[in-house]
Amino acid sequence: MAPLRTTVILMDDLGRMVDVDVLIDPSTAFGLFPASLLMDLGVKPFRDLEHRTGQRLGQVEAMLKMNAAYIICGFGEEDCEPRLGFHNLASLVLQVNQRGDDLEPLVVEYHEHPKLEIDV
């Protein structure tokens, strides 16, 4: 099966939008974009995470299929292949369909649990 690709819109706080062709990669948690693109959009790495682990992750506003959300993404090398991971899709309330060839709304099921009562 061919890899699933689409276009995501990344946005900065001033309303500037950039279309980015991405690979949908549900085998990874977070997205990956060239560091220069993220920095141009004003994205900054989470300082505490970078200091503790050396990982450069940040948060950017994204829109895909009319769903908008803030997504966590890595600062990649300039020649990296931009991608979205399963956490990004969930933030955008989307999932890969069963055929693996398109995105569809995320099905969220809520379950009621019996109320736990504790005598004190």
PDB file of N, CA and C in Angstrom:
ATOM      1  N   MET A   1       0.837  -1.174   0.000  1.00  0.00           N
ATOM      2  CA  MET A   1       0.000   0.000   0.000  1.00  0.00           C
ATOM      3  C   MET A   1       0.889   1.246   0.000  1.00  0.00           C
ATOM      4  N   ALA A   2       0.494   2.218  -0.773  1.00  0.00           N
ATOM      5  CA  ALA A   2       1.249   3.469  -0.857  1.00  0.00           C
ATOM      6  C   ALA A   2       1.126   4.246   0.448  1.00  0.00           C
ATOM      7  N   PRO A   3       2.191   4.953   0.826  1.00  0.00           N
ATOM      8  CA  PRO A   3       2.110   5.778   2.045  1.00  0.00           C
ATOM      9  C   PRO A   3       1.014   6.831   1.899  1.00  0.00           C
ATOM     10  N   LEU A   4       0.372   7.135   3.005  1.00  0.00           N
ATOM     11  CA  LEU A   4      -0.690   8.145   3.019  1.00  0.00           C
ATOM     12  C   LEU A   4      -0.061   9.523   3.172  1.00  0.00           C
ATOM     13  N   ARG A   5      -0.388  10.406   2.258  1.00  0.00           N
ATOM     14  CA  ARG A   5       0.122  11.776   2.281  1.00  0.00           C
ATOM     15  C   ARG A   5      -1.044  12.743   2.199  1.00  0.00           C
ATOM     16  N   THR A   6      -0.838  13.931   2.768  1.00  0.00           N
ATOM     17  CA  THR A   6      -1.851  14.980   2.702  1.00  0.00           C
ATOM     18  C   THR A   6      -1.160  16.324   2.918  1.00  0.00           C
ATOM     19  N   THR A   7      -1.934  17.375   2.894  1.00  0.00           N
ATOM     20  CA  THR A   7      -1.399  18.710   3.153  1.00  0.00           C
ATOM     21  C   THR A   7      -1.981  19.226   4.459  1.00  0.00           C
ATOM     22  N   VAL A   8      -1.112  19.650   5.351  1.00  0.00           N
ATOM     23  CA  VAL A   8      -1.518  20.248   6.617  1.00  0.00           C
ATOM     24  C   VAL A   8      -1.183  21.740   6.547  1.00  0.00           C
ATOM     25  N   ILE A   9      -1.998  22.548   7.190  1.00  0.00           N
ATOM     26  CA  ILE A   9      -1.732  23.979   7.272  1.00  0.00           C
ATOM     27  C   ILE A   9      -1.184  24.267   8.661  1.00  0.00           C
ATOM     28  N   LEU A  10       0.016  24.848   8.723  1.00  0.00           N
ATOM     29  CA  LEU A  10       0.592  25.282   9.990  1.00  0.00           C
ATOM     30  C   LEU A  10       0.394  26.779  10.105  1.00  0.00           C
ATOM     31  N   MET A  11       0.099  27.275  11.319  1.00  0.00           N
ATOM     32  CA  MET A  11      -0.227  28.678  11.525  1.00  0.00           C
ATOM     33  C   MET A  11       0.608  29.273  12.649  1.00  0.00           C
ATOM     34  N   ASP A  12       0.910  30.566  12.514  1.00  0.00           N
ATOM     35  CA  ASP A  12       1.580  31.265  13.604  1.00  0.00           C
ATOM     36  C   ASP A  12       0.563  32.128  14.354  1.00  0.00           C
ATOM     37  N   ASP A  13       1.011  32.793  15.400  1.00  0.00           N
ATOM     38  CA  ASP A  13       0.108  33.587  16.235  1.00  0.00           C
ATOM     39  C   ASP A  13      -0.429  34.824  15.523  1.00  0.00           C
ATOM     40  N   LEU A  14       0.176  35.209  14.409  1.00  0.00           N
ATOM     41  CA  LEU A  14      -0.268  36.386  13.667  1.00  0.00           C
ATOM     42  C   LEU A  14      -1.245  36.029  12.549  1.00  0.00           C
ATOM     43  N   GLY A  15      -1.548  34.745  12.421  1.00  0.00           N
ATOM     44  CA  GLY A  15      -2.494  34.313  11.402  1.00  0.00           C
ATOM     45  C   GLY A  15      -1.857  33.897  10.084  1.00  0.00           C
ATOM     46  N   ARG A  16      -0.530  33.947   9.996  1.00  0.00           N
ATOM     47  CA  ARG A  16       0.144  33.507   8.771  1.00  0.00           C
ATOM     48  C   ARG A  16       0.003  31.995   8.658  1.00  0.00           C
ATOM     49  N   MET A  17      -0.270  31.512   7.447  1.00  0.00           N
ATOM     50  CA  MET A  17      -0.478  30.081   7.221  1.00  0.00           C
ATOM     51  C   MET A  17       0.506  29.561   6.190  1.00  0.00           C
ATOM     52  N   VAL A  18       0.985  28.342   6.428  1.00  0.00           N
ATOM     53  CA  VAL A  18       1.921  27.690   5.512  1.00  0.00           C
ATOM     54  C   VAL A  18       1.392  26.292   5.225  1.00  0.00           C
ATOM     55  N   ASP A  19       1.202  25.971   3.941  1.00  0.00           N
ATOM     56  CA  ASP A  19       0.816  24.615   3.542  1.00  0.00           C
ATOM     57  C   ASP A  19       2.051  23.728   3.513  1.00  0.00           C
ATOM     58  N   VAL A  20       1.939  22.548   4.128  1.00  0.00           N
ATOM     59  CA  VAL A  20       3.070  21.613   4.161  1.00  0.00           C
ATOM     60  C   VAL A  20       2.562  20.231   3.760  1.00  0.00           C
ATOM     61  N   ASP A  21       3.197  19.641   2.748  1.00  0.00           N
ATOM     62  CA  ASP A  21       2.883  18.265   2.373  1.00  0.00           C
ATOM     63  C   ASP A  21       3.524  17.341   3.400  1.00  0.00           C
ATOM     64  N   VAL A  22       2.718  16.438   3.972  1.00  0.00           N
ATOM     65  CA  VAL A  22       3.200  15.572   5.045  1.00  0.00           C
ATOM     66  C   VAL A  22       2.887  14.111   4.769  1.00  0.00           C
ATOM     67  N   LEU A  23       3.695  13.261   5.357  1.00  0.00           N
ATOM     68  CA  LEU A  23       3.452  11.830   5.420  1.00  0.00           C
ATOM     69  C   LEU A  23       2.640  11.579   6.681  1.00  0.00           C
ATOM     70  N   ILE A  24       1.590  10.790   6.596  1.00  0.00           N
ATOM     71  CA  ILE A  24       0.845  10.375   7.787  1.00  0.00           C
ATOM     72  C   ILE A  24       1.514   9.096   8.282  1.00  0.00           C
ATOM     73  N   ASP A  25       2.101   9.176   9.474  1.00  0.00           N
ATOM     74  CA  ASP A  25       2.887   8.065  10.010  1.00  0.00           C
ATOM     75  C   ASP A  25       2.355   7.671  11.389  1.00  0.00           C
ATOM     76  N   PRO A  26       1.330   6.793  11.428  1.00  0.00           N
ATOM     77  CA  PRO A  26       0.756   6.400  12.719  1.00  0.00           C
ATOM     78  C   PRO A  26       1.676   5.538  13.571  1.00  0.00           C
ATOM     79  N   SER A  27       2.875   5.208  13.070  1.00  0.00           N
ATOM     80  CA  SER A  27       3.810   4.433  13.879  1.00  0.00           C
ATOM     81  C   SER A  27       4.650   5.326  14.791  1.00  0.00           C
ATOM     82  N   THR A  28       4.517   6.643  14.651  1.00  0.00           N
ATOM     83  CA  THR A  28       5.242   7.574  15.510  1.00  0.00           C
ATOM     84  C   THR A  28       4.239   8.444  16.271  1.00  0.00           C
ATOM     85  N   ALA A  29       4.635   8.932  17.412  1.00  0.00           N
ATOM     86  CA  ALA A  29       3.707   9.704  18.246  1.00  0.00           C
ATOM     87  C   ALA A  29       3.509  11.123  17.740  1.00  0.00           C
ATOM     88  N   PHE A  30       4.614  11.816  17.469  1.00  0.00           N
ATOM     89  CA  PHE A  30       4.536  13.237  17.164  1.00  0.00           C
ATOM     90  C   PHE A  30       5.010  13.535  15.750  1.00  0.00           C
ATOM     91  N   GLY A  31       4.632  14.711  15.268  1.00  0.00           N
ATOM     92  CA  GLY A  31       5.048  15.158  13.957  1.00  0.00           C
ATOM     93  C   GLY A  31       6.513  15.546  13.927  1.00  0.00           C
ATOM     94  N   LEU A  32       6.995  15.797  12.724  1.00  0.00           N
ATOM     95  CA  LEU A  32       8.371  16.241  12.514  1.00  0.00           C
ATOM     96  C   LEU A  32       8.361  17.219  11.350  1.00  0.00           C
ATOM     97  N   PHE A  33       8.984  18.377  11.554  1.00  0.00           N
ATOM     98  CA  PHE A  33       9.070  19.402  10.522  1.00  0.00           C
ATOM     99  C   PHE A  33      10.473  19.990  10.549  1.00  0.00           C
ATOM    100  N   PRO A  34      10.928  20.543   9.410  1.00  0.00           N
ATOM    101  CA  PRO A  34      12.233  21.203   9.423  1.00  0.00           C
ATOM    102  C   PRO A  34      12.274  22.305  10.486  1.00  0.00           C
ATOM    103  N   ALA A  35      13.365  22.349  11.223  1.00  0.00           N
ATOM    104  CA  ALA A  35      13.498  23.314  12.320  1.00  0.00           C
ATOM    105  C   ALA A  35      13.308  24.746  11.836  1.00  0.00           C
ATOM    106  N   SER A  36      13.826  25.082  10.645  1.00  0.00           N
ATOM    107  CA  SER A  36      13.711  26.459  10.157  1.00  0.00           C
ATOM    108  C   SER A  36      12.256  26.849   9.920  1.00  0.00           C
ATOM    109  N   LEU A  37      11.427  25.918   9.462  1.00  0.00           N
ATOM    110  CA  LEU A  37      10.006  26.200   9.258  1.00  0.00           C
ATOM    111  C   LEU A  37       9.335  26.506  10.593  1.00  0.00           C
ATOM    112  N   LEU A  38       9.605  25.671  11.590  1.00  0.00           N
ATOM    113  CA  LEU A  38       8.996  25.888  12.908  1.00  0.00           C
ATOM    114  C   LEU A  38       9.461  27.207  13.512  1.00  0.00           C
ATOM    115  N   MET A  39      10.741  27.501  13.394  1.00  0.00           N
ATOM    116  CA  MET A  39      11.255  28.752  13.960  1.00  0.00           C
ATOM    117  C   MET A  39      10.670  29.964  13.231  1.00  0.00           C
ATOM    118  N   ASP A  40      10.489  29.869  11.900  1.00  0.00           N
ATOM    119  CA  ASP A  40       9.857  30.956  11.143  1.00  0.00           C
ATOM    120  C   ASP A  40       8.429  31.216  11.623  1.00  0.00           C
ATOM    121  N   LEU A  41       7.777  30.179  12.125  1.00  0.00           N
ATOM    122  CA  LEU A  41       6.410  30.317  12.655  1.00  0.00           C
ATOM    123  C   LEU A  41       6.402  30.708  14.132  1.00  0.00           C
ATOM    124  N   GLY A  42       7.577  30.925  14.701  1.00  0.00           N
ATOM    125  CA  GLY A  42       7.660  31.349  16.098  1.00  0.00           C
ATOM    126  C   GLY A  42       7.579  30.229  17.108  1.00  0.00           C
ATOM    127  N   VAL A  43       7.703  28.981  16.649  1.00  0.00           N
ATOM    128  CA  VAL A  43       7.650  27.830  17.562  1.00  0.00           C
ATOM    129  C   VAL A  43       8.978  27.737  18.297  1.00  0.00           C
ATOM    130  N   LYS A  44       8.889  27.544  19.608  1.00  0.00           N
ATOM    131  CA  LYS A  44      10.084  27.379  20.433  1.00  0.00           C
ATOM    132  C   LYS A  44      10.046  26.003  21.091  1.00  0.00           C
ATOM    133  N   PRO A  45      11.211  25.370  21.214  1.00  0.00           N
ATOM    134  CA  PRO A  45      11.244  24.068  21.886  1.00  0.00           C
ATOM    135  C   PRO A  45      10.825  24.204  23.356  1.00  0.00           C
ATOM    136  N   PHE A  46      10.206  23.162  23.876  1.00  0.00           N
ATOM    137  CA  PHE A  46       9.893  23.112  25.303  1.00  0.00           C
ATOM    138  C   PHE A  46      11.220  23.093  26.050  1.00  0.00           C
ATOM    139  N   ARG A  47      11.510  24.146  26.795  1.00  0.00           N
ATOM    140  CA  ARG A  47      12.830  24.290  27.435  1.00  0.00           C
ATOM    141  C   ARG A  47      13.158  23.173  28.401  1.00  0.00           C
ATOM    142  N   ASP A  48      12.212  22.844  29.277  1.00  0.00           N
ATOM    143  CA  ASP A  48      12.519  21.833  30.296  1.00  0.00           C
ATOM    144  C   ASP A  48      12.831  20.488  29.655  1.00  0.00           C
ATOM    145  N   LEU A  49      12.091  20.117  28.622  1.00  0.00           N
ATOM    146  CA  LEU A  49      12.335  18.846  27.944  1.00  0.00           C
ATOM    147  C   LEU A  49      13.692  18.863  27.238  1.00  0.00           C
ATOM    148  N   GLU A  50      13.996  19.974  26.582  1.00  0.00           N
ATOM    149  CA  GLU A  50      15.275  20.075  25.881  1.00  0.00           C
ATOM    150  C   GLU A  50      16.441  20.011  26.866  1.00  0.00           C
ATOM    151  N   HIS A  51      16.311  20.679  28.009  1.00  0.00           N
ATOM    152  CA  HIS A  51      17.389  20.663  29.009  1.00  0.00           C
ATOM    153  C   HIS A  51      17.566  19.278  29.629  1.00  0.00           C
ATOM    154  N   ARG A  52      16.438  18.596  29.901  1.00  0.00           N
ATOM    155  CA  ARG A  52      16.512  17.293  30.560  1.00  0.00           C
ATOM    156  C   ARG A  52      16.934  16.172  29.626  1.00  0.00           C
ATOM    157  N   THR A  53      16.411  16.184  28.379  1.00  0.00           N
ATOM    158  CA  THR A  53      16.607  15.020  27.513  1.00  0.00           C
ATOM    159  C   THR A  53      17.334  15.327  26.209  1.00  0.00           C
ATOM    160  N   GLY A  54      17.446  16.605  25.868  1.00  0.00           N
ATOM    161  CA  GLY A  54      18.059  16.968  24.597  1.00  0.00           C
ATOM    162  C   GLY A  54      17.091  16.920  23.434  1.00  0.00           C
ATOM    163  N   GLN A  55      15.862  16.447  23.677  1.00  0.00           N
ATOM    164  CA  GLN A  55      14.860  16.399  22.614  1.00  0.00           C
ATOM    165  C   GLN A  55      14.327  17.797  22.335  1.00  0.00           C
ATOM    166  N   ARG A  56      14.155  18.102  21.070  1.00  0.00           N
ATOM    167  CA  ARG A  56      13.613  19.403  20.683  1.00  0.00           C
ATOM    168  C   ARG A  56      12.194  19.201  20.157  1.00  0.00           C
ATOM    169  N   LEU A  57      11.230  19.355  21.049  1.00  0.00           N
ATOM    170  CA  LEU A  57       9.814  19.281  20.701  1.00  0.00           C
ATOM    171  C   LEU A  57       9.181  20.628  21.008  1.00  0.00           C
ATOM    172  N   GLY A  58       8.218  21.019  20.199  1.00  0.00           N
ATOM    173  CA  GLY A  58       7.471  22.250  20.430  1.00  0.00           C
ATOM    174  C   GLY A  58       6.021  22.055  20.030  1.00  0.00           C
ATOM    175  N   GLN A  59       5.275  23.125  20.040  1.00  0.00           N
ATOM    176  CA  GLN A  59       3.849  23.064  19.758  1.00  0.00           C
ATOM    177  C   GLN A  59       3.501  24.108  18.707  1.00  0.00           C
ATOM    178  N   VAL A  60       2.743  23.706  17.694  1.00  0.00           N
ATOM    179  CA  VAL A  60       2.340  24.604  16.624  1.00  0.00           C
ATOM    180  C   VAL A  60       0.859  24.378  16.325  1.00  0.00           C
ATOM    181  N   GLU A  61       0.186  25.444  15.914  1.00  0.00           N
ATOM    182  CA  GLU A  61      -1.220  25.307  15.536  1.00  0.00           C
ATOM    183  C   GLU A  61      -1.298  24.742  14.123  1.00  0.00           C
ATOM    184  N   ALA A  62      -2.188  23.778  13.938  1.00  0.00           N
ATOM    185  CA  ALA A  62      -2.317  23.104  12.648  1.00  0.00           C
ATOM    186  C   ALA A  62      -3.784  22.955  12.275  1.00  0.00           C
ATOM    187  N   MET A  63      -4.039  22.860  10.963  1.00  0.00           N
ATOM    188  CA  MET A  63      -5.385  22.594  10.472  1.00  0.00           C
ATOM    189  C   MET A  63      -5.304  21.515   9.406  1.00  0.00           C
ATOM    190  N   LEU A  64      -6.192  20.538   9.533  1.00  0.00           N
ATOM    191  CA  LEU A  64      -6.265  19.437   8.581  1.00  0.00           C
ATOM    192  C   LEU A  64      -7.713  19.015   8.462  1.00  0.00           C
ATOM    193  N   LYS A  65      -8.227  18.993   7.242  1.00  0.00           N
ATOM    194  CA  LYS A  65      -9.626  18.607   6.991  1.00  0.00           C
ATOM    195  C   LYS A  65     -10.585  19.431   7.840  1.00  0.00           C
ATOM    196  N   MET A  66     -10.351  20.707   7.921  1.00  0.00           N
ATOM    197  CA  MET A  66     -11.192  21.664   8.649  1.00  0.00           C
ATOM    198  C   MET A  66     -11.147  21.495  10.174  1.00  0.00           C
ATOM    199  N   ASN A  67     -10.265  20.664  10.677  1.00  0.00           N
ATOM    200  CA  ASN A  67     -10.066  20.509  12.118  1.00  0.00           C
ATOM    201  C   ASN A  67      -8.789  21.238  12.500  1.00  0.00           C
ATOM    202  N   ALA A  68      -8.864  22.079  13.521  1.00  0.00           N
ATOM    203  CA  ALA A  68      -7.687  22.824  13.969  1.00  0.00           C
ATOM    204  C   ALA A  68      -7.350  22.434  15.405  1.00  0.00           C
ATOM    205  N   ALA A  69      -6.053  22.390  15.697  1.00  0.00           N
ATOM    206  CA  ALA A  69      -5.593  22.054  17.045  1.00  0.00           C
ATOM    207  C   ALA A  69      -4.125  22.428  17.161  1.00  0.00           C
ATOM    208  N   TYR A  70      -3.645  22.516  18.387  1.00  0.00           N
ATOM    209  CA  TYR A  70      -2.220  22.641  18.620  1.00  0.00           C
ATOM    210  C   TYR A  70      -1.643  21.240  18.646  1.00  0.00           C
ATOM    211  N   ILE A  71      -0.582  21.028  17.884  1.00  0.00           N
ATOM    212  CA  ILE A  71       0.049  19.711  17.823  1.00  0.00           C
ATOM    213  C   ILE A  71       1.494  19.803  18.300  1.00  0.00           C
ATOM    214  N   ILE A  72       1.975  18.716  18.875  1.00  0.00           N
ATOM    215  CA  ILE A  72       3.366  18.627  19.318  1.00  0.00           C
ATOM    216  C   ILE A  72       4.188  18.053  18.174  1.00  0.00           C
ATOM    217  N   CYS A  73       5.327  18.675  17.923  1.00  0.00           N
ATOM    218  CA  CYS A  73       6.153  18.213  16.817  1.00  0.00           C
ATOM    219  C   CYS A  73       7.630  18.400  17.138  1.00  0.00           C
ATOM    220  N   GLY A  74       8.440  17.621  16.445  1.00  0.00           N
ATOM    221  CA  GLY A  74       9.879  17.702  16.607  1.00  0.00           C
ATOM    222  C   GLY A  74      10.500  18.677  15.622  1.00  0.00           C
ATOM    223  N   PHE A  75      11.632  19.252  16.032  1.00  0.00           N
ATOM    224  CA  PHE A  75      12.432  20.126  15.182  1.00  0.00           C
ATOM    225  C   PHE A  75      13.389  19.223  14.412  1.00  0.00           C
ATOM    226  N   GLY A  76      13.112  19.016  13.142  1.00  0.00           N
ATOM    227  CA  GLY A  76      13.914  18.105  12.341  1.00  0.00           C
ATOM    228  C   GLY A  76      15.014  18.797  11.567  1.00  0.00           C
ATOM    229  N   GLU A  77      15.834  17.976  10.925  1.00  0.00           N
ATOM    230  CA  GLU A  77      16.859  18.486  10.019  1.00  0.00           C
ATOM    231  C   GLU A  77      16.164  19.156   8.834  1.00  0.00           C
ATOM    232  N   GLU A  78      16.889  19.971   8.108  1.00  0.00           N
ATOM    233  CA  GLU A  78      16.286  20.703   6.999  1.00  0.00           C
ATOM    234  C   GLU A  78      15.792  19.794   5.885  1.00  0.00           C
ATOM    235  N   ASP A  79      16.387  18.617   5.729  1.00  0.00           N
ATOM    236  CA  ASP A  79      15.973  17.713   4.660  1.00  0.00           C
ATOM    237  C   ASP A  79      15.038  16.602   5.162  1.00  0.00           C
ATOM    238  N   CYS A  80      14.511  16.741   6.383  1.00  0.00           N
ATOM    239  CA  CYS A  80      13.627  15.703   6.919  1.00  0.00           C
ATOM    240  C   CYS A  80      12.312  15.673   6.136  1.00  0.00           C
ATOM    241  N   GLU A  81      11.673  14.517   6.154  1.00  0.00           N
ATOM    242  CA  GLU A  81      10.362  14.399   5.528  1.00  0.00           C
ATOM    243  C   GLU A  81       9.304  14.807   6.560  1.00  0.00           C
ATOM    244  N   PRO A  82       8.582  15.908   6.308  1.00  0.00           N
ATOM    245  CA  PRO A  82       7.549  16.325   7.260  1.00  0.00           C
ATOM    246  C   PRO A  82       6.520  15.220   7.449  1.00  0.00           C
ATOM    247  N   ARG A  83       6.083  15.050   8.698  1.00  0.00           N
ATOM    248  CA  ARG A  83       5.139  13.968   9.002  1.00  0.00           C
ATOM    249  C   ARG A  83       4.261  14.328  10.180  1.00  0.00           C
ATOM    250  N   LEU A  84       3.142  13.631  10.276  1.00  0.00           N
ATOM    251  CA  LEU A  84       2.247  13.709  11.425  1.00  0.00           C
ATOM    252  C   LEU A  84       2.151  12.327  12.040  1.00  0.00           C
ATOM    253  N   GLY A  85       2.165  12.245  13.363  1.00  0.00           N
ATOM    254  CA  GLY A  85       2.045  10.980  14.072  1.00  0.00           C
ATOM    255  C   GLY A  85       0.658  10.789  14.663  1.00  0.00           C
ATOM    256  N   PHE A  86       0.484   9.677  15.375  1.00  0.00           N
ATOM    257  CA  PHE A  86      -0.851   9.351  15.900  1.00  0.00           C
ATOM    258  C   PHE A  86      -1.332  10.354  16.929  1.00  0.00           C
ATOM    259  N   HIS A  87      -0.433  10.927  17.726  1.00  0.00           N
ATOM    260  CA  HIS A  87      -0.846  11.924  18.715  1.00  0.00           C
ATOM    261  C   HIS A  87      -1.378  13.172  18.015  1.00  0.00           C
ATOM    262  N   ASN A  88      -0.728  13.551  16.909  1.00  0.00           N
ATOM    263  CA  ASN A  88      -1.182  14.709  16.136  1.00  0.00           C
ATOM    264  C   ASN A  88      -2.562  14.460  15.552  1.00  0.00           C
ATOM    265  N   LEU A  89      -2.759  13.274  14.992  1.00  0.00           N
ATOM    266  CA  LEU A  89      -4.070  12.951  14.426  1.00  0.00           C
ATOM    267  C   LEU A  89      -5.151  12.993  15.499  1.00  0.00           C
ATOM    268  N   ALA A  90      -4.869  12.432  16.673  1.00  0.00           N
ATOM    269  CA  ALA A  90      -5.849  12.446  17.760  1.00  0.00           C
ATOM    270  C   ALA A  90      -6.161  13.877  18.191  1.00  0.00           C
ATOM    271  N   SER A  91      -5.146  14.743  18.230  1.00  0.00           N
ATOM    272  CA  SER A  91      -5.383  16.150  18.583  1.00  0.00           C
ATOM    273  C   SER A  91      -6.288  16.818  17.569  1.00  0.00           C
ATOM    274  N   LEU A  92      -6.189  16.400  16.318  1.00  0.00           N
ATOM    275  CA  LEU A  92      -7.022  16.953  15.247  1.00  0.00           C
ATOM    276  C   LEU A  92      -8.339  16.185  15.097  1.00  0.00           C
ATOM    277  N   VAL A  93      -8.591  15.239  15.993  1.00  0.00           N
ATOM    278  CA  VAL A  93      -9.790  14.395  16.022  1.00  0.00           C
ATOM    279  C   VAL A  93      -9.959  13.659  14.685  1.00  0.00           C
ATOM    280  N   LEU A  94      -8.845  13.078  14.229  1.00  0.00           N
ATOM    281  CA  LEU A  94      -8.827  12.305  12.993  1.00  0.00           C
ATOM    282  C   LEU A  94      -8.124  10.976  13.233  1.00  0.00           C
ATOM    283  N   GLN A  95      -8.405  10.018  12.362  1.00  0.00           N
ATOM    284  CA  GLN A  95      -7.731   8.724  12.392  1.00  0.00           C
ATOM    285  C   GLN A  95      -7.618   8.216  10.963  1.00  0.00           C
ATOM    286  N   VAL A  96      -6.707   7.267  10.740  1.00  0.00           N
ATOM    287  CA  VAL A  96      -6.577   6.617   9.441  1.00  0.00           C
ATOM    288  C   VAL A  96      -7.716   5.617   9.311  1.00  0.00           C
ATOM    289  N   ASN A  97      -8.369   5.593   8.130  1.00  0.00           N
ATOM    290  CA  ASN A  97      -9.474   4.649   7.945  1.00  0.00           C
ATOM    291  C   ASN A  97      -8.951   3.213   7.880  1.00  0.00           C
ATOM    292  N   GLN A  98      -9.858   2.249   7.895  1.00  0.00           N
ATOM    293  CA  GLN A  98      -9.452   0.834   7.931  1.00  0.00           C
ATOM    294  C   GLN A  98      -8.667   0.419   6.699  1.00  0.00           C
ATOM    295  N   ARG A  99      -8.950   1.003   5.549  1.00  0.00           N
ATOM    296  CA  ARG A  99      -8.212   0.672   4.323  1.00  0.00           C
ATOM    297  C   ARG A  99      -6.806   1.275   4.344  1.00  0.00           C
ATOM    298  N   GLY A 100      -6.596   2.300   5.199  1.00  0.00           N
ATOM    299  CA  GLY A 100      -5.296   2.941   5.291  1.00  0.00           C
ATOM    300  C   GLY A 100      -5.011   3.929   4.180  1.00  0.00           C
ATOM    301  N   ASP A 101      -6.060   4.326   3.451  1.00  0.00           N
ATOM    302  CA  ASP A 101      -5.838   5.197   2.303  1.00  0.00           C
ATOM    303  C   ASP A 101      -6.412   6.600   2.456  1.00  0.00           C
ATOM    304  N   ASP A 102      -6.973   6.914   3.638  1.00  0.00           N
ATOM    305  CA  ASP A 102      -7.546   8.243   3.852  1.00  0.00           C
ATOM    306  C   ASP A 102      -7.712   8.479   5.356  1.00  0.00           C
ATOM    307  N   LEU A 103      -8.009   9.724   5.686  1.00  0.00           N
ATOM    308  CA  LEU A 103      -8.310  10.082   7.075  1.00  0.00           C
ATOM    309  C   LEU A 103      -9.808  10.205   7.244  1.00  0.00           C
ATOM    310  N   GLU A 104     -10.265   9.922   8.450  1.00  0.00           N
ATOM    311  CA  GLU A 104     -11.687  10.043   8.772  1.00  0.00           C
ATOM    312  C   GLU A 104     -11.805  10.575  10.193  1.00  0.00           C
ATOM    313  N   PRO A 105     -13.004  11.052  10.577  1.00  0.00           N
ATOM    314  CA  PRO A 105     -13.171  11.541  11.950  1.00  0.00           C
ATOM    315  C   PRO A 105     -12.835  10.449  12.966  1.00  0.00           C
ATOM    316  N   LEU A 106     -12.169  10.841  14.028  1.00  0.00           N
ATOM    317  CA  LEU A 106     -11.823   9.923  15.103  1.00  0.00           C
ATOM    318  C   LEU A 106     -13.086   9.511  15.835  1.00  0.00           C
ATOM    319  N   VAL A 107     -13.245   8.229  16.037  1.00  0.00           N
ATOM    320  CA  VAL A 107     -14.389   7.717  16.783  1.00  0.00           C
ATOM    321  C   VAL A 107     -13.990   7.659  18.252  1.00  0.00           C
ATOM    322  N   VAL A 108     -14.679   8.444  19.062  1.00  0.00           N
ATOM    323  CA  VAL A 108     -14.392   8.485  20.491  1.00  0.00           C
ATOM    324  C   VAL A 108     -15.594   7.899  21.212  1.00  0.00           C
ATOM    325  N   GLU A 109     -15.350   6.877  21.989  1.00  0.00           N
ATOM    326  CA  GLU A 109     -16.433   6.254  22.744  1.00  0.00           C
ATOM    327  C   GLU A 109     -16.202   6.495  24.222  1.00  0.00           C
ATOM    328  N   TYR A 110     -17.235   6.926  24.869  1.00  0.00           N
ATOM    329  CA  TYR A 110     -17.176   7.169  26.303  1.00  0.00           C
ATOM    330  C   TYR A 110     -17.936   6.058  27.012  1.00  0.00           C
ATOM    331  N   HIS A 111     -17.376   5.619  28.110  1.00  0.00           N
ATOM    332  CA  HIS A 111     -18.006   4.550  28.883  1.00  0.00           C
ATOM    333  C   HIS A 111     -18.294   5.077  30.284  1.00  0.00           C
ATOM    334  N   GLU A 112     -19.495   4.818  30.726  1.00  0.00           N
ATOM    335  CA  GLU A 112     -19.853   5.177  32.091  1.00  0.00           C
ATOM    336  C   GLU A 112     -19.335   4.108  33.040  1.00  0.00           C
ATOM    337  N   HIS A 113     -18.781   4.552  34.134  1.00  0.00           N
ATOM    338  CA  HIS A 113     -18.311   3.627  35.153  1.00  0.00           C
ATOM    339  C   HIS A 113     -19.152   3.842  36.401  1.00  0.00           C
ATOM    340  N   PRO A 114     -19.412   2.768  37.129  1.00  0.00           N
ATOM    341  CA  PRO A 114     -20.214   2.933  38.343  1.00  0.00           C
ATOM    342  C   PRO A 114     -19.502   3.869  39.312  1.00  0.00           C
ATOM    343  N   LYS A 115     -20.289   4.668  39.991  1.00  0.00           N
ATOM    344  CA  LYS A 115     -19.730   5.602  40.967  1.00  0.00           C
ATOM    345  C   LYS A 115     -19.179   4.807  42.161  1.00  0.00           C
ATOM    346  N   LEU A 116     -17.966   5.156  42.537  1.00  0.00           N
ATOM    347  CA  LEU A 116     -17.328   4.500  43.656  1.00  0.00           C
ATOM    348  C   LEU A 116     -17.660   5.300  44.919  1.00  0.00           C
ATOM    349  N   GLU A 117     -18.265   4.643  45.886  1.00  0.00           N
ATOM    350  CA  GLU A 117     -18.598   5.314  47.130  1.00  0.00           C
ATOM    351  C   GLU A 117     -17.703   4.772  48.231  1.00  0.00           C
ATOM    352  N   ILE A 118     -17.151   5.678  48.992  1.00  0.00           N
ATOM    353  CA  ILE A 118     -16.244   5.290  50.072  1.00  0.00           C
ATOM    354  C   ILE A 118     -16.820   5.792  51.393  1.00  0.00           C
ATOM    355  N   ASP A 119     -16.947   4.889  52.334  1.00  0.00           N
ATOM    356  CA  ASP A 119     -17.372   5.285  53.685  1.00  0.00           C
ATOM    357  C   ASP A 119     -16.159   5.699  54.473  1.00  0.00           C
ATOM    358  N   VAL A 120     -16.266   6.858  55.098  1.00  0.00           N
ATOM    359  CA  VAL A 120     -15.137   7.359  55.873  1.00  0.00           C
ATOM    360  C   VAL A 120     -15.458   7.286  57.344  1.00  0.00           C
TER     361      VAL A 120
END
